[in-house]
Amino acid sequence: MSNEINSTVMDNMRDNVHELWVIEGRPDLENDCLQYCYDNIDKPVPIAMIEFLSQHCSQALSSQDLEHMEKNNG
């Protein structure tokens, strides 16, 4: 691919990720997500974003986890 086409693809991907990004105040995480999308350019952007966020959220607490913690500390 020529540099001009490559640059256009990258610009479009950056715009797509930014348009879909909903986590306020985390431009650093958005940049990491964008890099993941670049690295997985063969996948549609929404799928790559879901994969990226799924990997980063594997240690997140669910509302059920929080309820259980509150019950045990109650």
PDB file of N, CA and C in Angstrom:
ATOM      1  N   MET A   1       0.835  -1.174   0.000  1.00  0.00           N
ATOM      2  CA  MET A   1       0.000   0.000   0.000  1.00  0.00           C
ATOM      3  C   MET A   1       0.885   1.243   0.000  1.00  0.00           C
ATOM      4  N   SER A   2       0.460   2.259  -0.742  1.00  0.00           N
ATOM      5  CA  SER A   2       1.245   3.489  -0.768  1.00  0.00           C
ATOM      6  C   SER A   2       1.097   4.230   0.556  1.00  0.00           C
ATOM      7  N   ASN A   3       2.022   5.125   0.801  1.00  0.00           N
ATOM      8  CA  ASN A   3       1.977   5.900   2.049  1.00  0.00           C
ATOM      9  C   ASN A   3       0.709   6.737   2.143  1.00  0.00           C
ATOM     10  N   GLU A   4       0.255   7.280   1.003  1.00  0.00           N
ATOM     11  CA  GLU A   4      -0.954   8.105   1.003  1.00  0.00           C
ATOM     12  C   GLU A   4      -2.183   7.270   1.361  1.00  0.00           C
ATOM     13  N   ILE A   5      -2.293   6.090   0.784  1.00  0.00           N
ATOM     14  CA  ILE A   5      -3.420   5.193   1.088  1.00  0.00           C
ATOM     15  C   ILE A   5      -3.326   4.730   2.533  1.00  0.00           C
ATOM     16  N   ASN A   6      -2.132   4.365   2.955  1.00  0.00           N
ATOM     17  CA  ASN A   6      -1.910   3.935   4.337  1.00  0.00           C
ATOM     18  C   ASN A   6      -2.326   5.028   5.316  1.00  0.00           C
ATOM     19  N   SER A   7      -1.950   6.255   5.018  1.00  0.00           N
ATOM     20  CA  SER A   7      -2.289   7.385   5.873  1.00  0.00           C
ATOM     21  C   SER A   7      -3.805   7.593   5.928  1.00  0.00           C
ATOM     22  N   THR A   8      -4.465   7.436   4.797  1.00  0.00           N
ATOM     23  CA  THR A   8      -5.921   7.582   4.744  1.00  0.00           C
ATOM     24  C   THR A   8      -6.609   6.502   5.568  1.00  0.00           C
ATOM     25  N   VAL A   9      -6.133   5.264   5.449  1.00  0.00           N
ATOM     26  CA  VAL A   9      -6.690   4.156   6.236  1.00  0.00           C
ATOM     27  C   VAL A   9      -6.519   4.435   7.723  1.00  0.00           C
ATOM     28  N   MET A  10      -5.346   4.891   8.122  1.00  0.00           N
ATOM     29  CA  MET A  10      -5.070   5.177   9.524  1.00  0.00           C
ATOM     30  C   MET A  10      -5.951   6.332  10.028  1.00  0.00           C
ATOM     31  N   ASP A  11      -6.119   7.361   9.218  1.00  0.00           N
ATOM     32  CA  ASP A  11      -6.971   8.490   9.606  1.00  0.00           C
ATOM     33  C   ASP A  11      -8.418   8.041   9.776  1.00  0.00           C
ATOM     34  N   ASN A  12      -8.902   7.228   8.860  1.00  0.00           N
ATOM     35  CA  ASN A  12     -10.274   6.721   8.952  1.00  0.00           C
ATOM     36  C   ASN A  12     -10.462   5.856  10.197  1.00  0.00           C
ATOM     37  N   MET A  13      -9.471   5.029  10.496  1.00  0.00           N
ATOM     38  CA  MET A  13      -9.558   4.171  11.668  1.00  0.00           C
ATOM     39  C   MET A  13      -9.559   5.027  12.936  1.00  0.00           C
ATOM     40  N   ARG A  14      -8.717   6.041  13.001  1.00  0.00           N
ATOM     41  CA  ARG A  14      -8.667   6.939  14.150  1.00  0.00           C
ATOM     42  C   ARG A  14     -10.027   7.601  14.347  1.00  0.00           C
ATOM     43  N   ASP A  15     -10.634   8.062  13.248  1.00  0.00           N
ATOM     44  CA  ASP A  15     -11.958   8.687  13.335  1.00  0.00           C
ATOM     45  C   ASP A  15     -13.008   7.692  13.814  1.00  0.00           C
ATOM     46  N   ASN A  16     -12.972   6.452  13.312  1.00  0.00           N
ATOM     47  CA  ASN A  16     -13.936   5.427  13.715  1.00  0.00           C
ATOM     48  C   ASN A  16     -13.817   5.101  15.200  1.00  0.00           C
ATOM     49  N   VAL A  17     -12.598   4.906  15.659  1.00  0.00           N
ATOM     50  CA  VAL A  17     -12.396   4.594  17.079  1.00  0.00           C
ATOM     51  C   VAL A  17     -12.876   5.758  17.936  1.00  0.00           C
ATOM     52  N   HIS A  18     -12.518   6.965  17.554  1.00  0.00           N
ATOM     53  CA  HIS A  18     -12.910   8.136  18.342  1.00  0.00           C
ATOM     54  C   HIS A  18     -14.435   8.285  18.384  1.00  0.00           C
ATOM     55  N   GLU A  19     -15.087   8.029  17.266  1.00  0.00           N
ATOM     56  CA  GLU A  19     -16.545   8.138  17.195  1.00  0.00           C
ATOM     57  C   GLU A  19     -17.233   7.118  18.101  1.00  0.00           C
ATOM     58  N   LEU A  20     -16.658   5.922  18.208  1.00  0.00           N
ATOM     59  CA  LEU A  20     -17.253   4.855  19.010  1.00  0.00           C
ATOM     60  C   LEU A  20     -16.840   4.903  20.482  1.00  0.00           C
ATOM     61  N   TRP A  21     -15.779   5.634  20.806  1.00  0.00           N
ATOM     62  CA  TRP A  21     -15.224   5.652  22.164  1.00  0.00           C
ATOM     63  C   TRP A  21     -16.182   6.355  23.117  1.00  0.00           C
ATOM     64  N   VAL A  22     -16.496   5.732  24.243  1.00  0.00           N
ATOM     65  CA  VAL A  22     -17.447   6.313  25.196  1.00  0.00           C
ATOM     66  C   VAL A  22     -16.856   6.507  26.597  1.00  0.00           C
ATOM     67  N   ILE A  23     -15.621   6.124  26.814  1.00  0.00           N
ATOM     68  CA  ILE A  23     -15.014   6.270  28.136  1.00  0.00           C
ATOM     69  C   ILE A  23     -14.401   7.666  28.228  1.00  0.00           C
ATOM     70  N   GLU A  24     -15.079   8.536  28.962  1.00  0.00           N
ATOM     71  CA  GLU A  24     -14.631   9.919  29.110  1.00  0.00           C
ATOM     72  C   GLU A  24     -13.353   9.994  29.961  1.00  0.00           C
ATOM     73  N   GLY A  25     -12.503  10.927  29.615  1.00  0.00           N
ATOM     74  CA  GLY A  25     -11.326  11.202  30.427  1.00  0.00           C
ATOM     75  C   GLY A  25     -10.218  10.171  30.325  1.00  0.00           C
ATOM     76  N   ARG A  26     -10.267   9.300  29.337  1.00  0.00           N
ATOM     77  CA  ARG A  26      -9.215   8.287  29.188  1.00  0.00           C
ATOM     78  C   ARG A  26      -8.650   8.281  27.763  1.00  0.00           C
ATOM     79  N   PRO A  27      -8.082   9.416  27.328  1.00  0.00           N
ATOM     80  CA  PRO A  27      -7.491   9.443  25.991  1.00  0.00           C
ATOM     81  C   PRO A  27      -6.312   8.472  25.860  1.00  0.00           C
ATOM     82  N   ASP A  28      -5.647   8.182  26.982  1.00  0.00           N
ATOM     83  CA  ASP A  28      -4.537   7.229  26.958  1.00  0.00           C
ATOM     84  C   ASP A  28      -5.038   5.832  26.590  1.00  0.00           C
ATOM     85  N   LEU A  29      -6.160   5.441  27.160  1.00  0.00           N
ATOM     86  CA  LEU A  29      -6.739   4.133  26.872  1.00  0.00           C
ATOM     87  C   LEU A  29      -7.296   4.094  25.445  1.00  0.00           C
ATOM     88  N   GLU A  30      -7.855   5.211  25.016  1.00  0.00           N
ATOM     89  CA  GLU A  30      -8.345   5.302  23.639  1.00  0.00           C
ATOM     90  C   GLU A  30      -7.186   5.126  22.655  1.00  0.00           C
ATOM     91  N   ASN A  31      -6.037   5.738  22.960  1.00  0.00           N
ATOM     92  CA  ASN A  31      -4.857   5.592  22.096  1.00  0.00           C
ATOM     93  C   ASN A  31      -4.374   4.144  22.062  1.00  0.00           C
ATOM     94  N   ASP A  32      -4.396   3.476  23.214  1.00  0.00           N
ATOM     95  CA  ASP A  32      -4.015   2.059  23.242  1.00  0.00           C
ATOM     96  C   ASP A  32      -4.982   1.225  22.422  1.00  0.00           C
ATOM     97  N   CYS A  33      -6.265   1.557  22.511  1.00  0.00           N
ATOM     98  CA  CYS A  33      -7.284   0.849  21.740  1.00  0.00           C
ATOM     99  C   CYS A  33      -7.061   1.075  20.243  1.00  0.00           C
ATOM    100  N   LEU A  34      -6.766   2.294  19.882  1.00  0.00           N
ATOM    101  CA  LEU A  34      -6.476   2.608  18.483  1.00  0.00           C
ATOM    102  C   LEU A  34      -5.282   1.808  17.985  1.00  0.00           C
ATOM    103  N   GLN A  35      -4.245   1.710  18.792  1.00  0.00           N
ATOM    104  CA  GLN A  35      -3.079   0.921  18.409  1.00  0.00           C
ATOM    105  C   GLN A  35      -3.456  -0.548  18.227  1.00  0.00           C
ATOM    106  N   TYR A  36      -4.302  -1.072  19.108  1.00  0.00           N
ATOM    107  CA  TYR A  36      -4.778  -2.455  18.981  1.00  0.00           C
ATOM    108  C   TYR A  36      -5.521  -2.621  17.658  1.00  0.00           C
ATOM    109  N   CYS A  37      -6.349  -1.639  17.313  1.00  0.00           N
ATOM    110  CA  CYS A  37      -7.079  -1.707  16.042  1.00  0.00           C
ATOM    111  C   CYS A  37      -6.119  -1.671  14.857  1.00  0.00           C
ATOM    112  N   TYR A  38      -5.089  -0.831  14.930  1.00  0.00           N
ATOM    113  CA  TYR A  38      -4.076  -0.796  13.877  1.00  0.00           C
ATOM    114  C   TYR A  38      -3.399  -2.165  13.742  1.00  0.00           C
ATOM    115  N   ASP A  39      -3.070  -2.752  14.886  1.00  0.00           N
ATOM    116  CA  ASP A  39      -2.377  -4.038  14.891  1.00  0.00           C
ATOM    117  C   ASP A  39      -3.264  -5.175  14.390  1.00  0.00           C
ATOM    118  N   ASN A  40      -4.575  -4.977  14.439  1.00  0.00           N
ATOM    119  CA  ASN A  40      -5.544  -5.991  14.010  1.00  0.00           C
ATOM    120  C   ASN A  40      -6.414  -5.426  12.889  1.00  0.00           C
ATOM    121  N   ILE A  41      -5.757  -4.828  11.919  1.00  0.00           N
ATOM    122  CA  ILE A  41      -6.427  -4.106  10.847  1.00  0.00           C
ATOM    123  C   ILE A  41      -7.327  -5.007   9.995  1.00  0.00           C
ATOM    124  N   ASP A  42      -7.120  -6.311  10.087  1.00  0.00           N
ATOM    125  CA  ASP A  42      -7.934  -7.246   9.314  1.00  0.00           C
ATOM    126  C   ASP A  42      -9.335  -7.422   9.897  1.00  0.00           C
ATOM    127  N   LYS A  43      -9.575  -6.898  11.105  1.00  0.00           N
ATOM    128  CA  LYS A  43     -10.875  -7.030  11.765  1.00  0.00           C
ATOM    129  C   LYS A  43     -11.633  -5.705  11.685  1.00  0.00           C
ATOM    130  N   PRO A  44     -12.956  -5.768  11.666  1.00  0.00           N
ATOM    131  CA  PRO A  44     -13.723  -4.513  11.728  1.00  0.00           C
ATOM    132  C   PRO A  44     -13.426  -3.780  13.040  1.00  0.00           C
ATOM    133  N   VAL A  45     -13.407  -2.463  12.995  1.00  0.00           N
ATOM    134  CA  VAL A  45     -13.058  -1.656  14.161  1.00  0.00           C
ATOM    135  C   VAL A  45     -13.914  -2.002  15.387  1.00  0.00           C
ATOM    136  N   PRO A  46     -15.254  -2.101  15.266  1.00  0.00           N
ATOM    137  CA  PRO A  46     -16.022  -2.419  16.477  1.00  0.00           C
ATOM    138  C   PRO A  46     -15.626  -3.758  17.117  1.00  0.00           C
ATOM    139  N   ILE A  47     -15.321  -4.755  16.296  1.00  0.00           N
ATOM    140  CA  ILE A  47     -14.909  -6.062  16.825  1.00  0.00           C
ATOM    141  C   ILE A  47     -13.563  -5.934  17.534  1.00  0.00           C
ATOM    142  N   ALA A  48     -12.622  -5.232  16.921  1.00  0.00           N
ATOM    143  CA  ALA A  48     -11.305  -5.041  17.536  1.00  0.00           C
ATOM    144  C   ALA A  48     -11.430  -4.269  18.847  1.00  0.00           C
ATOM    145  N   MET A  49     -12.316  -3.275  18.882  1.00  0.00           N
ATOM    146  CA  MET A  49     -12.513  -2.503  20.110  1.00  0.00           C
ATOM    147  C   MET A  49     -13.101  -3.375  21.218  1.00  0.00           C
ATOM    148  N   ILE A  50     -14.059  -4.220  20.864  1.00  0.00           N
ATOM    149  CA  ILE A  50     -14.641  -5.127  21.859  1.00  0.00           C
ATOM    150  C   ILE A  50     -13.577  -6.072  22.394  1.00  0.00           C
ATOM    151  N   GLU A  51     -12.745  -6.612  21.520  1.00  0.00           N
ATOM    152  CA  GLU A  51     -11.661  -7.501  21.962  1.00  0.00           C
ATOM    153  C   GLU A  51     -10.725  -6.757  22.908  1.00  0.00           C
ATOM    154  N   PHE A  52     -10.316  -5.560  22.521  1.00  0.00           N
ATOM    155  CA  PHE A  52      -9.394  -4.771  23.340  1.00  0.00           C
ATOM    156  C   PHE A  52      -9.988  -4.516  24.719  1.00  0.00           C
ATOM    157  N   LEU A  53     -11.220  -4.024  24.753  1.00  0.00           N
ATOM    158  CA  LEU A  53     -11.847  -3.693  26.034  1.00  0.00           C
ATOM    159  C   LEU A  53     -12.115  -4.939  26.866  1.00  0.00           C
ATOM    160  N   SER A  54     -12.440  -6.047  26.215  1.00  0.00           N
ATOM    161  CA  SER A  54     -12.660  -7.305  26.940  1.00  0.00           C
ATOM    162  C   SER A  54     -11.386  -7.751  27.628  1.00  0.00           C
ATOM    163  N   GLN A  55     -10.260  -7.608  26.951  1.00  0.00           N
ATOM    164  CA  GLN A  55      -8.975  -7.984  27.551  1.00  0.00           C
ATOM    165  C   GLN A  55      -8.637  -7.077  28.728  1.00  0.00           C
ATOM    166  N   HIS A  56      -8.950  -5.799  28.621  1.00  0.00           N
ATOM    167  CA  HIS A  56      -8.624  -4.847  29.673  1.00  0.00           C
ATOM    168  C   HIS A  56      -9.609  -4.868  30.835  1.00  0.00           C
ATOM    169  N   CYS A  57     -10.772  -5.422  30.618  1.00  0.00           N
ATOM    170  CA  CYS A  57     -11.805  -5.419  31.662  1.00  0.00           C
ATOM    171  C   CYS A  57     -11.960  -6.777  32.334  1.00  0.00           C
ATOM    172  N   SER A  58     -11.073  -7.688  32.090  1.00  0.00           N
ATOM    173  CA  SER A  58     -11.222  -9.032  32.653  1.00  0.00           C
ATOM    174  C   SER A  58     -11.158  -9.032  34.180  1.00  0.00           C
ATOM    175  N   GLN A  59     -10.556  -8.019  34.776  1.00  0.00           N
ATOM    176  CA  GLN A  59     -10.457  -7.927  36.225  1.00  0.00           C
ATOM    177  C   GLN A  59     -11.468  -6.945  36.820  1.00  0.00           C
ATOM    178  N   ALA A  60     -12.371  -6.442  36.006  1.00  0.00           N
ATOM    179  CA  ALA A  60     -13.354  -5.474  36.488  1.00  0.00           C
ATOM    180  C   ALA A  60     -14.361  -6.135  37.426  1.00  0.00           C
ATOM    181  N   LEU A  61     -14.926  -5.338  38.303  1.00  0.00           N
ATOM    182  CA  LEU A  61     -15.933  -5.832  39.239  1.00  0.00           C
ATOM    183  C   LEU A  61     -17.322  -5.631  38.647  1.00  0.00           C
ATOM    184  N   SER A  62     -18.138  -6.649  38.736  1.00  0.00           N
ATOM    185  CA  SER A  62     -19.529  -6.540  38.298  1.00  0.00           C
ATOM    186  C   SER A  62     -20.378  -6.004  39.438  1.00  0.00           C
ATOM    187  N   SER A  63     -21.607  -5.630  39.132  1.00  0.00           N
ATOM    188  CA  SER A  63     -22.510  -5.179  40.194  1.00  0.00           C
ATOM    189  C   SER A  63     -22.785  -6.324  41.168  1.00  0.00           C
ATOM    190  N   GLN A  64     -22.798  -7.540  40.669  1.00  0.00           N
ATOM    191  CA  GLN A  64     -22.992  -8.710  41.546  1.00  0.00           C
ATOM    192  C   GLN A  64     -21.802  -8.861  42.490  1.00  0.00           C
ATOM    193  N   ASP A  65     -20.586  -8.637  41.990  1.00  0.00           N
ATOM    194  CA  ASP A  65     -19.401  -8.680  42.852  1.00  0.00           C
ATOM    195  C   ASP A  65     -19.511  -7.638  43.967  1.00  0.00           C
ATOM    196  N   LEU A  66     -19.920  -6.434  43.605  1.00  0.00           N
ATOM    197  CA  LEU A  66     -20.043  -5.363  44.594  1.00  0.00           C
ATOM    198  C   LEU A  66     -21.111  -5.674  45.635  1.00  0.00           C
ATOM    199  N   GLU A  67     -22.235  -6.240  45.199  1.00  0.00           N
ATOM    200  CA  GLU A  67     -23.295  -6.627  46.141  1.00  0.00           C
ATOM    201  C   GLU A  67     -22.785  -7.700  47.099  1.00  0.00           C
ATOM    202  N   HIS A  68     -22.053  -8.662  46.580  1.00  0.00           N
ATOM    203  CA  HIS A  68     -21.499  -9.729  47.410  1.00  0.00           C
ATOM    204  C   HIS A  68     -20.515  -9.155  48.432  1.00  0.00           C
ATOM    205  N   MET A  69     -19.669  -8.219  47.994  1.00  0.00           N
ATOM    206  CA  MET A  69     -18.701  -7.601  48.901  1.00  0.00           C
ATOM    207  C   MET A  69     -19.429  -6.808  49.975  1.00  0.00           C
ATOM    208  N   GLU A  70     -20.470  -6.089  49.582  1.00  0.00           N
ATOM    209  CA  GLU A  70     -21.228  -5.309  50.563  1.00  0.00           C
ATOM    210  C   GLU A  70     -21.921  -6.217  51.566  1.00  0.00           C
ATOM    211  N   LYS A  71     -22.463  -7.325  51.105  1.00  0.00           N
ATOM    212  CA  LYS A  71     -23.147  -8.286  51.970  1.00  0.00           C
ATOM    213  C   LYS A  71     -22.169  -8.890  52.987  1.00  0.00           C
ATOM    214  N   ASN A  72     -20.969  -9.211  52.534  1.00  0.00           N
ATOM    215  CA  ASN A  72     -19.967  -9.802  53.414  1.00  0.00           C
ATOM    216  C   ASN A  72     -19.362  -8.810  54.395  1.00  0.00           C
ATOM    217  N   ASN A  73     -19.386  -7.547  54.042  1.00  0.00           N
ATOM    218  CA  ASN A  73     -18.849  -6.501  54.927  1.00  0.00           C
ATOM    219  C   ASN A  73     -19.932  -5.886  55.799  1.00  0.00           C
ATOM    220  N   GLY A  74     -21.193  -6.277  55.546  1.00  0.00           N
ATOM    221  CA  GLY A  74     -22.380  -5.701  56.137  1.00  0.00           C
ATOM    222  C   GLY A  74     -22.452  -5.749  57.579  1.00  0.00           C
TER     223      GLY A  74
END
